[in-house]
Each structure stands twice: as structure tokens, then as C-alpha cells.
Amino acid sequence: MKYFLISISFFSFLFLQAQEKFIANDIRINKYIEGTLLAPKQQTVPLAIIINGAGPIDRDGNQRMMENNSIKKLAESLSKKGIATFRYDKRTLKATKLNIKEKDMRFDDFIEDANSVINRFKPIPNFNKIYIIGHNQGSLVGMVAAQNNVDGFISIGGAGQPLDSVIIKQIGAQMPGLKENAVSAFKDLREKGKVKNYSPALETIFKKEVQPFMLSWIKYNPQVELKKLHIPTLIINGDNDFQVNTEEAKKLKAAKPDSKLVIIENMNYIFNIIDKNDDIANQKSYNETHHQISTELIEEISNFILNKE
């Protein structure tokens, strides 16, 4: 408790004394979570907590052999609009360091991490409101965590149906011969808690070590979780996102009719504006840092948080 009170005083000092347009401060929430608080100079501002997508992704939106700084650019752009942000490394990034075994990982761990971040910043008076921004997998994590008394929720590229439905649809489109096997395997996983009979081609999805994590993930239905939110909600998807189709965003909108749905033309998975006819440029952008992220994305999010709708 003493450390926490010191932290609050330290944040207040930063807000009062900083001379820059915004301040970057690295914060350790607990042994699993470390991130960067980016705060504008104003003393009282809203805070947006950014939750990353699937995989071992760092606070800037990067992973091994793939650097684009998408989340860092999002945070910096929002700070320039007068919105503080906290972005953090996924715990999967430090799994080896923390001796976290793949068989011990659960989807609920990510929800617990998000709640830990929310609870850390809630008592700090410099933040008059707290919003959650969830990207991809972080959308589902965020909408569950947002039930922890926050002021608003933003989904970017989030799925609108349970994970097994998404995967089965993708397999049906890319490897139709494996669709029936995938349907059967997921049925066994849901009903029996484990699956033994699956095609070797689906090993990355159903290998023994990952089955507990998959089971913990597919139990969440984004439409059901979103209906539990009684706070302002913004749903965003790019129509050039080849990882998450805009139909997913429309499913979320249908689940929560009072939410706002925004489809951004030519925006891809990592918020870049790329010609829809140039698949090569789209893929290359995942490992390029020179792109500017969508200005429409920043305007929509900042207007939503700052109540400029």
C-alpha cells in the first residue's frame, strides 16, 4: 500500500512538473505486466488502456522479426489529442523469463492482467475517466475487463464470434478438406475438455500443450460479453484487414445496437492505409515502421473519448 501511495504522488508530480508536450514513463504493474504511460502535459485527462492482439507482442505492437510500431504510434497520436495512454507487453513476451509453460497458459490470464492495470490507475486523480482500447484478441480481453467499472470501450479489429467459429470459417476458406475435421475436433474440445483425433495439419491449433488455452478462450462469446457492457462503445474495423473481416465488426454492432460502428476504408490490421489492390504492400507493412497510421482512426477514437461526437 505504501508503494502504491508513493506511485500516485509520483504521477501527480510528473503531471505538474513536466515541460514536454507529453511524458513517457515506464511502469511495472506486477511481475507479469510492464508498460509505458504516455501522458499529455494537462493535469487532468482521460486515460486509454491499450490491450494488444494475439501473440508475444510488446507494448509498441511489435514481435520478433516484425516491427511496425503500430501501438506506439496509436498511443503517441492520442497523447497529442490530450489523452493519456498506457500500453503494455503481453505476458507471453516474457514466458521464458518467467518460466511460464505453454500448457499452463489460460486466456483468463490476459483478463487478469487487464484488470490489474485498470485497478492500478483507477485511484489516480489525474485520470478523470478510463477507457479500454482492445485490438484483435485484446478486443475480447478488453470487453470482459471493461465490466470492471470503466467509462468506455473501444474495439479495433475484434472478432464478433467465438474463436472456434472464426477458425473453422478460415479453415473452410483456405483448406476446405480439413473443415470437417476441425469442426469435430472443436466439438470434442468443448464437450470433453480435450481432443485426440485431429489432422496433423492442425497440430498448431490442437497440440496437447495448447488445448487448455484454446478451451479457456473458446468459452467466451464476444457478442455475449459485449451485451454485458452498459457504457459507451465504439467498434472499428478496417476494410483492408485480411485477418479480421468487417463482418466481425458488424456482428459486434448487432450484439450492442447502441454502439457506434466505423469501417475505415483501406485500413489494414496494423492501422496503416494501404491500397486494397496491393496485397504485397499490405503484408510488407507488418515489418515497416515508416507508415503513418490512419488519421480517421485517431479522430474517431479521440472524439469518442473526449465526447466530441
C-alpha atoms as a PDB file:
ATOM      1  CA  MET A   1       0.000   0.000   0.000  1.00  0.00           C
ATOM      2  CA  LYS A   2       2.852   2.380   0.807  1.00  0.00           C
ATOM      3  CA  TYR A   3       4.365   1.786  -2.651  1.00  0.00           C
ATOM      4  CA  PHE A   4       1.022   2.471  -4.285  1.00  0.00           C
ATOM      5  CA  LEU A   5       0.586   5.798  -2.496  1.00  0.00           C
ATOM      6  CA  ILE A   6       4.089   6.806  -3.498  1.00  0.00           C
ATOM      7  CA  SER A   7       3.224   5.930  -7.099  1.00  0.00           C
ATOM      8  CA  ILE A   8       0.183   8.209  -7.030  1.00  0.00           C
ATOM      9  CA  SER A   9       2.264  11.107  -5.693  1.00  0.00           C
ATOM     10  CA  PHE A  10       4.914  10.443  -8.304  1.00  0.00           C
ATOM     11  CA  PHE A  11       2.357  10.577 -11.127  1.00  0.00           C
ATOM     12  CA  SER A  12       0.989  13.860  -9.762  1.00  0.00           C
ATOM     13  CA  PHE A  13       4.489  15.300  -9.649  1.00  0.00           C
ATOM     14  CA  LEU A  14       5.071  14.329 -13.253  1.00  0.00           C
ATOM     15  CA  PHE A  15       1.844  15.931 -14.398  1.00  0.00           C
ATOM     16  CA  LEU A  16       2.613  19.185 -12.584  1.00  0.00           C
ATOM     17  CA  GLN A  17       6.292  19.486 -13.420  1.00  0.00           C
ATOM     18  CA  ALA A  18       6.671  18.134 -16.961  1.00  0.00           C
ATOM     19  CA  GLN A  19       7.601  20.677 -19.584  1.00  0.00           C
ATOM     20  CA  GLU A  20       7.256  18.431 -22.620  1.00  0.00           C
ATOM     21  CA  LYS A  21       4.064  18.104 -24.653  1.00  0.00           C
ATOM     22  CA  PHE A  22       3.715  14.652 -23.147  1.00  0.00           C
ATOM     23  CA  ILE A  23       5.735  12.452 -20.828  1.00  0.00           C
ATOM     24  CA  ALA A  24       6.710   8.810 -21.282  1.00  0.00           C
ATOM     25  CA  ASN A  25       7.179   6.845 -18.084  1.00  0.00           C
ATOM     26  CA  ASP A  26       7.815   3.095 -17.823  1.00  0.00           C
ATOM     27  CA  ILE A  27       5.620   1.461 -15.163  1.00  0.00           C
ATOM     28  CA  ARG A  28       5.773  -2.036 -13.651  1.00  0.00           C
ATOM     29  CA  ILE A  29       2.290  -3.171 -12.620  1.00  0.00           C
ATOM     30  CA  ASN A  30       3.348  -6.602 -11.348  1.00  0.00           C
ATOM     31  CA  LYS A  31       5.744  -9.398 -12.290  1.00  0.00           C
ATOM     32  CA  TYR A  32       3.757 -10.090 -15.461  1.00  0.00           C
ATOM     33  CA  ILE A  33       2.986  -6.590 -16.646  1.00  0.00           C
ATOM     34  CA  GLU A  34       5.302  -3.745 -17.631  1.00  0.00           C
ATOM     35  CA  GLY A  35       4.314  -0.894 -19.880  1.00  0.00           C
ATOM     36  CA  THR A  36       4.606   2.751 -20.812  1.00  0.00           C
ATOM     37  CA  LEU A  37       2.416   5.568 -19.560  1.00  0.00           C
ATOM     38  CA  LEU A  38       2.255   8.373 -22.091  1.00  0.00           C
ATOM     39  CA  ALA A  39       0.627  11.448 -20.589  1.00  0.00           C
ATOM     40  CA  PRO A  40      -0.061  14.903 -22.025  1.00  0.00           C
ATOM     41  CA  LYS A  41       1.007  17.945 -20.028  1.00  0.00           C
ATOM     42  CA  GLN A  42      -2.511  18.693 -18.732  1.00  0.00           C
ATOM     43  CA  GLN A  43      -3.078  17.788 -15.097  1.00  0.00           C
ATOM     44  CA  THR A  44      -6.445  16.044 -15.551  1.00  0.00           C
ATOM     45  CA  VAL A  45      -7.034  13.887 -18.626  1.00  0.00           C
ATOM     46  CA  PRO A  46      -8.785  10.688 -19.674  1.00  0.00           C
ATOM     47  CA  LEU A  47      -6.669   7.534 -19.790  1.00  0.00           C
ATOM     48  CA  ALA A  48      -6.909   4.885 -22.512  1.00  0.00           C
ATOM     49  CA  ILE A  49      -5.514   1.453 -21.639  1.00  0.00           C
ATOM     50  CA  ILE A  50      -4.432  -0.327 -24.829  1.00  0.00           C
ATOM     51  CA  ILE A  51      -4.605  -4.132 -24.923  1.00  0.00           C
ATOM     52  CA  ASN A  52      -2.683  -5.915 -27.678  1.00  0.00           C
ATOM     53  CA  GLY A  53      -3.729  -8.678 -30.032  1.00  0.00           C
ATOM     54  CA  ALA A  54      -2.681 -12.337 -30.085  1.00  0.00           C
ATOM     55  CA  GLY A  55       0.903 -13.494 -29.766  1.00  0.00           C
ATOM     56  CA  PRO A  56       4.053 -12.379 -27.929  1.00  0.00           C
ATOM     57  CA  ILE A  57       3.554  -8.691 -28.705  1.00  0.00           C
ATOM     58  CA  ASP A  58       5.353  -5.869 -26.935  1.00  0.00           C
ATOM     59  CA  ARG A  59       3.896  -2.559 -25.837  1.00  0.00           C
ATOM     60  CA  ASP A  60       4.732  -0.929 -29.189  1.00  0.00           C
ATOM     61  CA  GLY A  61       2.846  -3.521 -31.238  1.00  0.00           C
ATOM     62  CA  ASN A  62       5.939  -5.447 -32.323  1.00  0.00           C
ATOM     63  CA  GLN A  63       7.073  -9.037 -32.052  1.00  0.00           C
ATOM     64  CA  ARG A  64      10.160 -10.965 -33.023  1.00  0.00           C
ATOM     65  CA  MET A  65      11.178 -10.326 -36.632  1.00  0.00           C
ATOM     66  CA  MET A  66       8.220  -7.979 -37.119  1.00  0.00           C
ATOM     67  CA  GLU A  67       8.469  -4.283 -36.252  1.00  0.00           C
ATOM     68  CA  ASN A  68       5.857  -1.712 -37.243  1.00  0.00           C
ATOM     69  CA  ASN A  69       5.295   0.325 -34.022  1.00  0.00           C
ATOM     70  CA  SER A  70       1.533   0.371 -34.624  1.00  0.00           C
ATOM     71  CA  ILE A  71       0.553   0.588 -30.948  1.00  0.00           C
ATOM     72  CA  LYS A  72       3.273   3.124 -30.165  1.00  0.00           C
ATOM     73  CA  LYS A  73       2.010   5.339 -32.987  1.00  0.00           C
ATOM     74  CA  LEU A  74      -1.548   4.994 -31.712  1.00  0.00           C
ATOM     75  CA  ALA A  75      -0.501   5.985 -28.189  1.00  0.00           C
ATOM     76  CA  GLU A  76       1.550   8.969 -29.343  1.00  0.00           C
ATOM     77  CA  SER A  77      -1.234  10.203 -31.614  1.00  0.00           C
ATOM     78  CA  LEU A  78      -3.800  10.038 -28.814  1.00  0.00           C
ATOM     79  CA  SER A  79      -1.465  11.829 -26.407  1.00  0.00           C
ATOM     80  CA  LYS A  80      -1.230  14.694 -28.870  1.00  0.00           C
ATOM     81  CA  LYS A  81      -5.019  14.901 -28.651  1.00  0.00           C
ATOM     82  CA  GLY A  82      -4.884  15.290 -24.869  1.00  0.00           C
ATOM     83  CA  ILE A  83      -5.490  11.635 -23.968  1.00  0.00           C
ATOM     84  CA  ALA A  84      -3.131   9.694 -21.722  1.00  0.00           C
ATOM     85  CA  THR A  85      -2.376   6.104 -22.711  1.00  0.00           C
ATOM     86  CA  PHE A  86      -0.933   3.048 -21.034  1.00  0.00           C
ATOM     87  CA  ARG A  87       0.278   0.254 -23.293  1.00  0.00           C
ATOM     88  CA  TYR A  88       1.941  -2.888 -22.025  1.00  0.00           C
ATOM     89  CA  ASP A  89       3.829  -6.005 -23.096  1.00  0.00           C
ATOM     90  CA  LYS A  90       1.825  -9.220 -23.345  1.00  0.00           C
ATOM     91  CA  ARG A  91       2.834 -11.697 -20.644  1.00  0.00           C
ATOM     92  CA  THR A  92       3.566 -14.196 -23.450  1.00  0.00           C
ATOM     93  CA  LEU A  93       6.512 -11.999 -24.391  1.00  0.00           C
ATOM     94  CA  LYS A  94       8.318 -12.939 -21.188  1.00  0.00           C
ATOM     95  CA  ALA A  95       7.018 -16.501 -20.817  1.00  0.00           C
ATOM     96  CA  THR A  96      10.511 -17.999 -20.877  1.00  0.00           C
ATOM     97  CA  LYS A  97      11.891 -15.489 -18.399  1.00  0.00           C
ATOM     98  CA  LEU A  98       9.008 -16.120 -16.005  1.00  0.00           C
ATOM     99  CA  ASN A  99       9.113 -19.873 -16.615  1.00  0.00           C
ATOM    100  CA  ILE A 100       5.519 -19.902 -17.871  1.00  0.00           C
ATOM    101  CA  LYS A 101       4.834 -23.201 -19.617  1.00  0.00           C
ATOM    102  CA  GLU A 102       2.611 -23.282 -22.668  1.00  0.00           C
ATOM    103  CA  LYS A 103       0.400 -25.923 -21.017  1.00  0.00           C
ATOM    104  CA  ASP A 104      -0.216 -23.583 -18.074  1.00  0.00           C
ATOM    105  CA  MET A 105      -1.343 -20.544 -20.089  1.00  0.00           C
ATOM    106  CA  ARG A 106      -5.015 -19.557 -19.996  1.00  0.00           C
ATOM    107  CA  PHE A 107      -6.997 -16.843 -21.766  1.00  0.00           C
ATOM    108  CA  ASP A 108      -8.207 -15.675 -18.359  1.00  0.00           C
ATOM    109  CA  ASP A 109      -4.610 -14.713 -17.535  1.00  0.00           C
ATOM    110  CA  PHE A 110      -4.891 -11.869 -20.060  1.00  0.00           C
ATOM    111  CA  ILE A 111      -8.143 -10.705 -18.477  1.00  0.00           C
ATOM    112  CA  GLU A 112      -6.483 -10.772 -15.072  1.00  0.00           C
ATOM    113  CA  ASP A 113      -3.623  -8.670 -16.457  1.00  0.00           C
ATOM    114  CA  ALA A 114      -6.027  -6.101 -17.886  1.00  0.00           C
ATOM    115  CA  ASN A 115      -7.903  -5.880 -14.583  1.00  0.00           C
ATOM    116  CA  SER A 116      -4.613  -5.373 -12.733  1.00  0.00           C
ATOM    117  CA  VAL A 117      -3.846  -2.406 -14.971  1.00  0.00           C
ATOM    118  CA  ILE A 118      -7.315  -0.918 -14.504  1.00  0.00           C
ATOM    119  CA  ASN A 119      -7.126  -1.285 -10.742  1.00  0.00           C
ATOM    120  CA  ARG A 120      -3.700   0.351 -10.619  1.00  0.00           C
ATOM    121  CA  PHE A 121      -4.824   3.505 -12.407  1.00  0.00           C
ATOM    122  CA  LYS A 122      -8.371   3.874 -11.063  1.00  0.00           C
ATOM    123  CA  PRO A 123      -7.404   5.689  -7.822  1.00  0.00           C
ATOM    124  CA  ILE A 124      -5.127   8.218  -9.541  1.00  0.00           C
ATOM    125  CA  PRO A 125      -6.968  11.567  -9.593  1.00  0.00           C
ATOM    126  CA  ASN A 126      -5.142  12.831 -12.676  1.00  0.00           C
ATOM    127  CA  PHE A 127      -7.264  10.477 -14.787  1.00  0.00           C
ATOM    128  CA  ASN A 128     -10.860  11.663 -14.804  1.00  0.00           C
ATOM    129  CA  LYS A 129     -12.048   8.759 -16.970  1.00  0.00           C
ATOM    130  CA  ILE A 130     -10.668   5.376 -18.011  1.00  0.00           C
ATOM    131  CA  TYR A 131     -11.285   3.781 -21.398  1.00  0.00           C
ATOM    132  CA  ILE A 132     -10.251   0.405 -22.764  1.00  0.00           C
ATOM    133  CA  ILE A 133      -8.939   0.022 -26.319  1.00  0.00           C
ATOM    134  CA  GLY A 134      -8.714  -3.640 -27.324  1.00  0.00           C
ATOM    135  CA  HIS A 135      -7.062  -4.688 -30.574  1.00  0.00           C
ATOM    136  CA  ASN A 136      -7.850  -8.084 -32.142  1.00  0.00           C
ATOM    137  CA  GLN A 137      -7.590 -10.638 -29.291  1.00  0.00           C
ATOM    138  CA  GLY A 138      -7.346  -7.628 -26.983  1.00  0.00           C
ATOM    139  CA  SER A 139     -10.883  -6.698 -28.007  1.00  0.00           C
ATOM    140  CA  LEU A 140     -12.339  -9.762 -26.276  1.00  0.00           C
ATOM    141  CA  VAL A 141      -9.971  -9.367 -23.335  1.00  0.00           C
ATOM    142  CA  GLY A 142     -10.932  -5.711 -23.133  1.00  0.00           C
ATOM    143  CA  MET A 143     -14.685  -6.162 -23.273  1.00  0.00           C
ATOM    144  CA  VAL A 144     -14.537  -8.609 -20.365  1.00  0.00           C
ATOM    145  CA  ALA A 145     -12.184  -6.351 -18.386  1.00  0.00           C
ATOM    146  CA  ALA A 146     -14.347  -3.320 -19.223  1.00  0.00           C
ATOM    147  CA  GLN A 147     -17.026  -4.817 -16.997  1.00  0.00           C
ATOM    148  CA  ASN A 148     -14.711  -3.681 -14.189  1.00  0.00           C
ATOM    149  CA  ASN A 149     -16.331  -0.247 -13.973  1.00  0.00           C
ATOM    150  CA  VAL A 150     -14.616   1.757 -16.709  1.00  0.00           C
ATOM    151  CA  ASP A 151     -16.086   4.656 -18.690  1.00  0.00           C
ATOM    152  CA  GLY A 152     -15.988   3.346 -22.242  1.00  0.00           C
ATOM    153  CA  PHE A 153     -14.818   0.560 -24.534  1.00  0.00           C
ATOM    154  CA  ILE A 154     -13.259   0.613 -27.998  1.00  0.00           C
ATOM    155  CA  SER A 155     -12.783  -2.476 -30.164  1.00  0.00           C
ATOM    156  CA  ILE A 156     -10.379  -2.392 -33.104  1.00  0.00           C
ATOM    157  CA  GLY A 157     -10.381  -5.444 -35.368  1.00  0.00           C
ATOM    158  CA  GLY A 158     -12.120  -7.630 -32.809  1.00  0.00           C
ATOM    159  CA  ALA A 159     -13.848 -10.916 -33.575  1.00  0.00           C
ATOM    160  CA  GLY A 160     -17.629 -10.982 -33.403  1.00  0.00           C
ATOM    161  CA  GLN A 161     -17.977 -14.711 -32.733  1.00  0.00           C
ATOM    162  CA  PRO A 162     -16.251 -17.367 -30.612  1.00  0.00           C
ATOM    163  CA  LEU A 163     -12.740 -18.325 -31.651  1.00  0.00           C
ATOM    164  CA  ASP A 164     -13.632 -21.823 -32.848  1.00  0.00           C
ATOM    165  CA  SER A 165     -16.229 -20.380 -35.229  1.00  0.00           C
ATOM    166  CA  VAL A 166     -13.638 -17.954 -36.600  1.00  0.00           C
ATOM    167  CA  ILE A 167     -11.016 -20.668 -37.093  1.00  0.00           C
ATOM    168  CA  ILE A 168     -13.452 -23.108 -38.691  1.00  0.00           C
ATOM    169  CA  LYS A 169     -14.537 -20.430 -41.149  1.00  0.00           C
ATOM    170  CA  GLN A 170     -10.906 -19.630 -42.018  1.00  0.00           C
ATOM    171  CA  ILE A 171     -10.055 -23.307 -42.495  1.00  0.00           C
ATOM    172  CA  GLY A 172     -13.129 -23.763 -44.678  1.00  0.00           C
ATOM    173  CA  ALA A 173     -11.971 -20.930 -46.915  1.00  0.00           C
ATOM    174  CA  GLN A 174      -8.278 -21.845 -47.075  1.00  0.00           C
ATOM    175  CA  MET A 175      -8.240 -25.640 -46.583  1.00  0.00           C
ATOM    176  CA  PRO A 176     -11.804 -26.891 -47.201  1.00  0.00           C
ATOM    177  CA  GLY A 177     -10.738 -30.510 -46.950  1.00  0.00           C
ATOM    178  CA  LEU A 178      -9.891 -30.010 -43.267  1.00  0.00           C
ATOM    179  CA  LYS A 179     -13.060 -28.185 -42.238  1.00  0.00           C
ATOM    180  CA  GLU A 180     -14.993 -31.272 -41.129  1.00  0.00           C
ATOM    181  CA  ASN A 181     -12.030 -32.449 -39.057  1.00  0.00           C
ATOM    182  CA  ALA A 182     -11.733 -29.030 -37.397  1.00  0.00           C
ATOM    183  CA  VAL A 183     -15.458 -28.993 -36.568  1.00  0.00           C
ATOM    184  CA  SER A 184     -15.180 -32.445 -34.977  1.00  0.00           C
ATOM    185  CA  ALA A 185     -12.038 -31.554 -33.038  1.00  0.00           C
ATOM    186  CA  PHE A 186     -13.518 -28.371 -31.583  1.00  0.00           C
ATOM    187  CA  LYS A 187     -16.678 -30.304 -30.657  1.00  0.00           C
ATOM    188  CA  ASP A 188     -14.575 -32.787 -28.690  1.00  0.00           C
ATOM    189  CA  LEU A 189     -12.628 -29.978 -27.056  1.00  0.00           C
ATOM    190  CA  ARG A 190     -15.790 -28.227 -25.910  1.00  0.00           C
ATOM    191  CA  GLU A 191     -17.573 -31.370 -24.715  1.00  0.00           C
ATOM    192  CA  LYS A 192     -14.684 -33.470 -23.370  1.00  0.00           C
ATOM    193  CA  GLY A 193     -12.100 -30.838 -22.498  1.00  0.00           C
ATOM    194  CA  LYS A 194      -9.536 -32.458 -24.788  1.00  0.00           C
ATOM    195  CA  VAL A 195      -9.154 -33.761 -28.306  1.00  0.00           C
ATOM    196  CA  LYS A 196      -7.122 -36.681 -29.661  1.00  0.00           C
ATOM    197  CA  ASN A 197      -8.293 -37.179 -33.232  1.00  0.00           C
ATOM    198  CA  TYR A 198      -7.232 -34.336 -35.475  1.00  0.00           C
ATOM    199  CA  SER A 199      -5.295 -33.927 -38.683  1.00  0.00           C
ATOM    200  CA  PRO A 200      -1.532 -33.366 -38.328  1.00  0.00           C
ATOM    201  CA  ALA A 201      -2.100 -30.252 -40.443  1.00  0.00           C
ATOM    202  CA  LEU A 202      -3.995 -28.774 -37.463  1.00  0.00           C
ATOM    203  CA  GLU A 203      -1.246 -29.521 -34.948  1.00  0.00           C
ATOM    204  CA  THR A 204      -0.570 -25.873 -34.070  1.00  0.00           C
ATOM    205  CA  ILE A 205      -4.222 -25.471 -33.022  1.00  0.00           C
ATOM    206  CA  PHE A 206      -4.818 -28.753 -31.227  1.00  0.00           C
ATOM    207  CA  LYS A 207      -1.484 -29.953 -29.884  1.00  0.00           C
ATOM    208  CA  LYS A 208      -1.782 -31.248 -26.332  1.00  0.00           C
ATOM    209  CA  GLU A 209       0.097 -28.344 -24.694  1.00  0.00           C
ATOM    210  CA  VAL A 210      -2.137 -25.675 -26.216  1.00  0.00           C
ATOM    211  CA  GLN A 211      -5.529 -27.364 -25.737  1.00  0.00           C
ATOM    212  CA  PRO A 212      -6.157 -25.936 -22.224  1.00  0.00           C
ATOM    213  CA  PHE A 213      -5.539 -22.416 -23.543  1.00  0.00           C
ATOM    214  CA  MET A 214      -7.795 -22.936 -26.552  1.00  0.00           C
ATOM    215  CA  LEU A 215     -10.533 -24.327 -24.310  1.00  0.00           C
ATOM    216  CA  SER A 216     -10.286 -21.325 -21.992  1.00  0.00           C
ATOM    217  CA  TRP A 217     -10.534 -18.979 -24.994  1.00  0.00           C
ATOM    218  CA  ILE A 218     -13.455 -20.537 -26.887  1.00  0.00           C
ATOM    219  CA  LYS A 219     -15.692 -20.410 -23.815  1.00  0.00           C
ATOM    220  CA  TYR A 220     -16.016 -16.651 -24.360  1.00  0.00           C
ATOM    221  CA  ASN A 221     -18.528 -15.393 -26.915  1.00  0.00           C
ATOM    222  CA  PRO A 222     -17.779 -11.747 -27.860  1.00  0.00           C
ATOM    223  CA  GLN A 223     -21.443 -10.997 -28.548  1.00  0.00           C
ATOM    224  CA  VAL A 224     -22.480 -12.260 -25.121  1.00  0.00           C
ATOM    225  CA  GLU A 225     -19.700 -10.344 -23.354  1.00  0.00           C
ATOM    226  CA  LEU A 226     -20.401  -7.132 -25.239  1.00  0.00           C
ATOM    227  CA  LYS A 227     -24.063  -7.220 -24.230  1.00  0.00           C
ATOM    228  CA  LYS A 228     -22.935  -7.045 -20.604  1.00  0.00           C
ATOM    229  CA  LEU A 229     -21.448  -3.584 -21.143  1.00  0.00           C
ATOM    230  CA  HIS A 230     -23.591  -0.596 -20.216  1.00  0.00           C
ATOM    231  CA  ILE A 231     -21.044   2.001 -21.248  1.00  0.00           C
ATOM    232  CA  PRO A 232     -20.358   3.904 -24.485  1.00  0.00           C
ATOM    233  CA  THR A 233     -18.856   1.544 -27.054  1.00  0.00           C
ATOM    234  CA  LEU A 234     -17.018   2.191 -30.311  1.00  0.00           C
ATOM    235  CA  ILE A 235     -16.398  -0.619 -32.815  1.00  0.00           C
ATOM    236  CA  ILE A 236     -13.773  -0.074 -35.532  1.00  0.00           C
ATOM    237  CA  ASN A 237     -12.551  -2.266 -38.364  1.00  0.00           C
ATOM    238  CA  GLY A 238     -10.505  -1.591 -41.467  1.00  0.00           C
ATOM    239  CA  ASP A 239     -11.871  -2.909 -44.747  1.00  0.00           C
ATOM    240  CA  ASN A 240      -8.325  -3.894 -45.781  1.00  0.00           C
ATOM    241  CA  ASP A 241      -7.741  -6.057 -42.704  1.00  0.00           C
ATOM    242  CA  PHE A 242      -7.216  -9.542 -44.117  1.00  0.00           C
ATOM    243  CA  GLN A 243      -7.001 -11.043 -40.631  1.00  0.00           C
ATOM    244  CA  VAL A 244     -10.368  -9.782 -39.395  1.00  0.00           C
ATOM    245  CA  ASN A 245     -13.212  -9.300 -41.853  1.00  0.00           C
ATOM    246  CA  THR A 246     -15.549  -6.348 -41.417  1.00  0.00           C
ATOM    247  CA  GLU A 247     -18.398  -8.849 -40.920  1.00  0.00           C
ATOM    248  CA  GLU A 248     -16.959  -9.488 -37.460  1.00  0.00           C
ATOM    249  CA  ALA A 249     -17.411  -5.831 -36.531  1.00  0.00           C
ATOM    250  CA  LYS A 250     -20.964  -5.925 -37.840  1.00  0.00           C
ATOM    251  CA  LYS A 251     -21.712  -8.907 -35.593  1.00  0.00           C
ATOM    252  CA  LEU A 252     -20.490  -6.902 -32.608  1.00  0.00           C
ATOM    253  CA  LYS A 253     -22.641  -3.956 -33.647  1.00  0.00           C
ATOM    254  CA  ALA A 254     -25.692  -6.242 -33.871  1.00  0.00           C
ATOM    255  CA  ALA A 255     -24.987  -7.506 -30.349  1.00  0.00           C
ATOM    256  CA  LYS A 256     -24.901  -3.953 -28.988  1.00  0.00           C
ATOM    257  CA  PRO A 257     -27.129  -1.743 -31.171  1.00  0.00           C
ATOM    258  CA  ASP A 258     -26.369   1.420 -29.198  1.00  0.00           C
ATOM    259  CA  SER A 259     -22.648   1.147 -30.055  1.00  0.00           C
ATOM    260  CA  LYS A 260     -21.051   3.125 -32.859  1.00  0.00           C
ATOM    261  CA  LEU A 261     -19.646   1.182 -35.818  1.00  0.00           C
ATOM    262  CA  VAL A 262     -16.906   2.667 -38.000  1.00  0.00           C
ATOM    263  CA  ILE A 263     -15.451   0.905 -41.046  1.00  0.00           C
ATOM    264  CA  ILE A 264     -12.286   2.682 -42.213  1.00  0.00           C
ATOM    265  CA  GLU A 265     -11.573   2.450 -45.907  1.00  0.00           C
ATOM    266  CA  ASN A 266      -8.223   0.871 -46.853  1.00  0.00           C
ATOM    267  CA  MET A 267      -7.092   0.484 -43.219  1.00  0.00           C
ATOM    268  CA  ASN A 268      -5.293  -2.783 -42.570  1.00  0.00           C
ATOM    269  CA  TYR A 269      -4.744  -4.841 -39.411  1.00  0.00           C
ATOM    270  CA  ILE A 270      -1.979  -2.580 -38.074  1.00  0.00           C
ATOM    271  CA  PHE A 271      -3.857   0.684 -38.780  1.00  0.00           C
ATOM    272  CA  ASN A 272      -1.998   1.600 -41.986  1.00  0.00           C
ATOM    273  CA  ILE A 273      -3.803   2.914 -45.045  1.00  0.00           C
ATOM    274  CA  ILE A 274      -2.878   0.547 -47.867  1.00  0.00           C
ATOM    275  CA  ASP A 275      -4.427   0.164 -51.327  1.00  0.00           C
ATOM    276  CA  LYS A 276      -6.814  -2.809 -51.209  1.00  0.00           C
ATOM    277  CA  ASN A 277      -5.450  -3.975 -54.552  1.00  0.00           C
ATOM    278  CA  ASP A 278      -1.892  -4.271 -53.245  1.00  0.00           C
ATOM    279  CA  ASP A 279      -1.680  -7.388 -51.078  1.00  0.00           C
ATOM    280  CA  ILE A 280       2.113  -7.368 -51.194  1.00  0.00           C
ATOM    281  CA  ALA A 281       2.295  -3.838 -49.766  1.00  0.00           C
ATOM    282  CA  ASN A 282      -0.208  -4.848 -47.092  1.00  0.00           C
ATOM    283  CA  GLN A 283       1.913  -7.792 -45.963  1.00  0.00           C
ATOM    284  CA  LYS A 284       5.181  -5.840 -46.152  1.00  0.00           C
ATOM    285  CA  SER A 285       3.771  -3.093 -43.923  1.00  0.00           C
ATOM    286  CA  TYR A 286       3.742  -5.523 -40.975  1.00  0.00           C
ATOM    287  CA  ASN A 287       7.514  -5.125 -40.837  1.00  0.00           C
ATOM    288  CA  GLU A 288       7.839  -1.449 -41.800  1.00  0.00           C
ATOM    289  CA  THR A 289       7.929   1.464 -39.385  1.00  0.00           C
ATOM    290  CA  HIS A 290       7.686   4.427 -41.763  1.00  0.00           C
ATOM    291  CA  HIS A 291       3.914   4.292 -42.331  1.00  0.00           C
ATOM    292  CA  GLN A 292       1.614   6.819 -40.712  1.00  0.00           C
ATOM    293  CA  ILE A 293      -1.422   5.220 -39.104  1.00  0.00           C
ATOM    294  CA  SER A 294      -4.935   6.188 -40.155  1.00  0.00           C
ATOM    295  CA  THR A 295      -5.869   9.760 -39.223  1.00  0.00           C
ATOM    296  CA  GLU A 296      -9.528   8.729 -39.299  1.00  0.00           C
ATOM    297  CA  LEU A 297      -8.770   6.097 -36.652  1.00  0.00           C
ATOM    298  CA  ILE A 298      -7.237   8.740 -34.381  1.00  0.00           C
ATOM    299  CA  GLU A 299     -10.070  11.193 -34.961  1.00  0.00           C
ATOM    300  CA  GLU A 300     -12.771   8.617 -34.268  1.00  0.00           C
ATOM    301  CA  ILE A 301     -11.130   7.399 -31.055  1.00  0.00           C
ATOM    302  CA  SER A 302     -10.234  10.840 -29.718  1.00  0.00           C
ATOM    303  CA  ASN A 303     -13.677  12.303 -30.499  1.00  0.00           C
ATOM    304  CA  PHE A 304     -15.279   9.320 -28.770  1.00  0.00           C
ATOM    305  CA  ILE A 305     -13.146   9.642 -25.633  1.00  0.00           C
ATOM    306  CA  LEU A 306     -13.344  13.434 -25.496  1.00  0.00           C
ATOM    307  CA  ASN A 307     -17.117  13.386 -26.139  1.00  0.00           C
ATOM    308  CA  LYS A 308     -16.891  15.373 -29.366  1.00  0.00           C
ATOM    309  CA  GLU A 309     -19.388  13.198 -31.220  1.00  0.00           C
END
